[in-house]
Amino acid sequence: MMMTNIQLWLSIAIPSILIVLSWINNNSRLDRIEKRLDAHDKKFDDVDRRFDAVIDAIHADTLEIMRAMTALHERVAVVEAKQRN
């Protein structure tokens, strides 16, 4: 049996259209996944910023304690020097 032009075009066009539609569908799914991943990235960025703020606060507190200990050590050294004389 011989295929007519219409049958040939339909046998090529229908699968091609289905392939294009499936690509479009997959592309929209990938866009949704990408948006969700971007939202997670923003959350992790917020957590990272908060973590950095806590570390900076701890570092500042540690420096303040070290300064206070150094000042106390210097005062003790002065008192000990006076007691030796």
Protein backbone atom coordinates (compact mmCIF):
# COMPACT_ATOMS: atom_id res chain seq x y z
CA MET A 1 0.00 0.00 0.00
CA MET A 2 1.24 3.41 -0.87
CA MET A 3 1.19 6.29 1.64
CA THR A 4 -0.42 9.50 0.64
CA ASN A 5 1.17 12.86 1.38
CA ILE A 6 -1.29 13.51 4.20
CA GLN A 7 -0.48 10.18 5.85
CA LEU A 8 3.23 10.87 5.55
CA TRP A 9 2.90 14.33 7.07
CA LEU A 10 0.73 13.02 9.90
CA SER A 11 3.14 10.18 10.63
CA ILE A 12 5.95 12.74 10.97
CA ALA A 13 4.04 15.69 12.45
CA ILE A 14 2.16 13.94 15.28
CA PRO A 15 5.24 12.38 16.93
CA SER A 16 7.16 15.61 16.41
CA ILE A 17 4.42 17.65 18.07
CA LEU A 18 4.30 15.18 20.96
CA ILE A 19 8.07 15.43 21.42
CA VAL A 20 7.93 19.23 21.44
CA LEU A 21 5.05 19.20 23.95
CA SER A 22 6.96 16.83 26.23
CA TRP A 23 10.02 19.13 26.06
CA ILE A 24 7.85 22.09 27.03
CA ASN A 25 6.33 20.14 29.90
CA ASN A 26 9.74 19.02 31.19
CA ASN A 27 11.06 22.55 30.86
CA SER A 28 8.25 23.90 33.04
CA ARG A 29 8.96 21.21 35.63
CA LEU A 30 12.62 22.12 35.63
CA ASP A 31 11.71 25.78 36.12
CA ARG A 32 9.61 24.89 39.16
CA ILE A 33 12.43 22.79 40.58
CA GLU A 34 14.89 25.61 39.97
CA LYS A 35 12.62 28.07 41.79
CA ARG A 36 12.37 25.72 44.76
CA LEU A 37 16.14 25.30 44.84
CA ASP A 38 16.58 29.08 44.71
CA ALA A 39 14.25 29.40 47.71
CA HIS A 40 16.35 26.86 49.59
CA ASP A 41 19.52 28.72 48.65
CA LYS A 42 18.07 31.92 50.11
CA LYS A 43 17.20 30.11 53.34
CA PHE A 44 20.72 28.72 53.58
CA ASP A 45 22.14 32.18 52.92
CA ASP A 46 20.05 33.53 55.81
CA VAL A 47 21.27 30.74 58.08
CA ASP A 48 24.85 31.40 56.99
CA ARG A 49 24.50 35.13 57.74
CA ARG A 50 23.05 34.40 61.19
CA PHE A 51 25.83 31.90 61.88
CA ASP A 52 28.45 34.47 60.88
CA ALA A 53 26.79 37.04 63.17
CA VAL A 54 26.92 34.61 66.09
CA ILE A 55 30.57 33.78 65.40
CA ASP A 56 31.41 37.50 65.21
CA ALA A 57 29.61 38.12 68.52
CA ILE A 58 31.47 35.24 70.19
CA HIS A 59 34.75 36.55 68.81
CA ALA A 60 34.02 40.04 70.15
CA ASP A 61 33.11 38.62 73.56
CA THR A 62 36.29 36.54 73.61
CA LEU A 63 38.40 39.59 72.80
CA GLU A 64 36.70 41.55 75.59
CA ILE A 65 37.38 38.76 78.09
CA MET A 66 41.02 38.59 76.98
CA ARG A 67 41.37 42.38 77.42
CA ALA A 68 39.86 42.19 80.90
CA MET A 69 42.16 39.31 81.86
CA THR A 70 45.19 41.20 80.55
CA ALA A 71 44.21 44.29 82.54
CA LEU A 72 43.71 42.14 85.66
CA HIS A 73 47.07 40.45 85.12
CA GLU A 74 48.77 43.84 84.83
CA ARG A 75 47.14 45.03 88.06
CA VAL A 76 48.21 41.86 89.86
CA ALA A 77 51.76 42.37 88.57
CA VAL A 78 51.77 45.95 89.94
CA VAL A 79 50.50 44.78 93.36
CA GLU A 80 53.08 41.99 93.49
CA ALA A 81 55.84 44.45 92.56
CA LYS A 82 54.79 46.77 95.41
CA GLN A 83 54.77 43.87 97.89
CA ARG A 84 58.33 42.89 96.95
CA ASN A 85 59.63 46.36 97.75
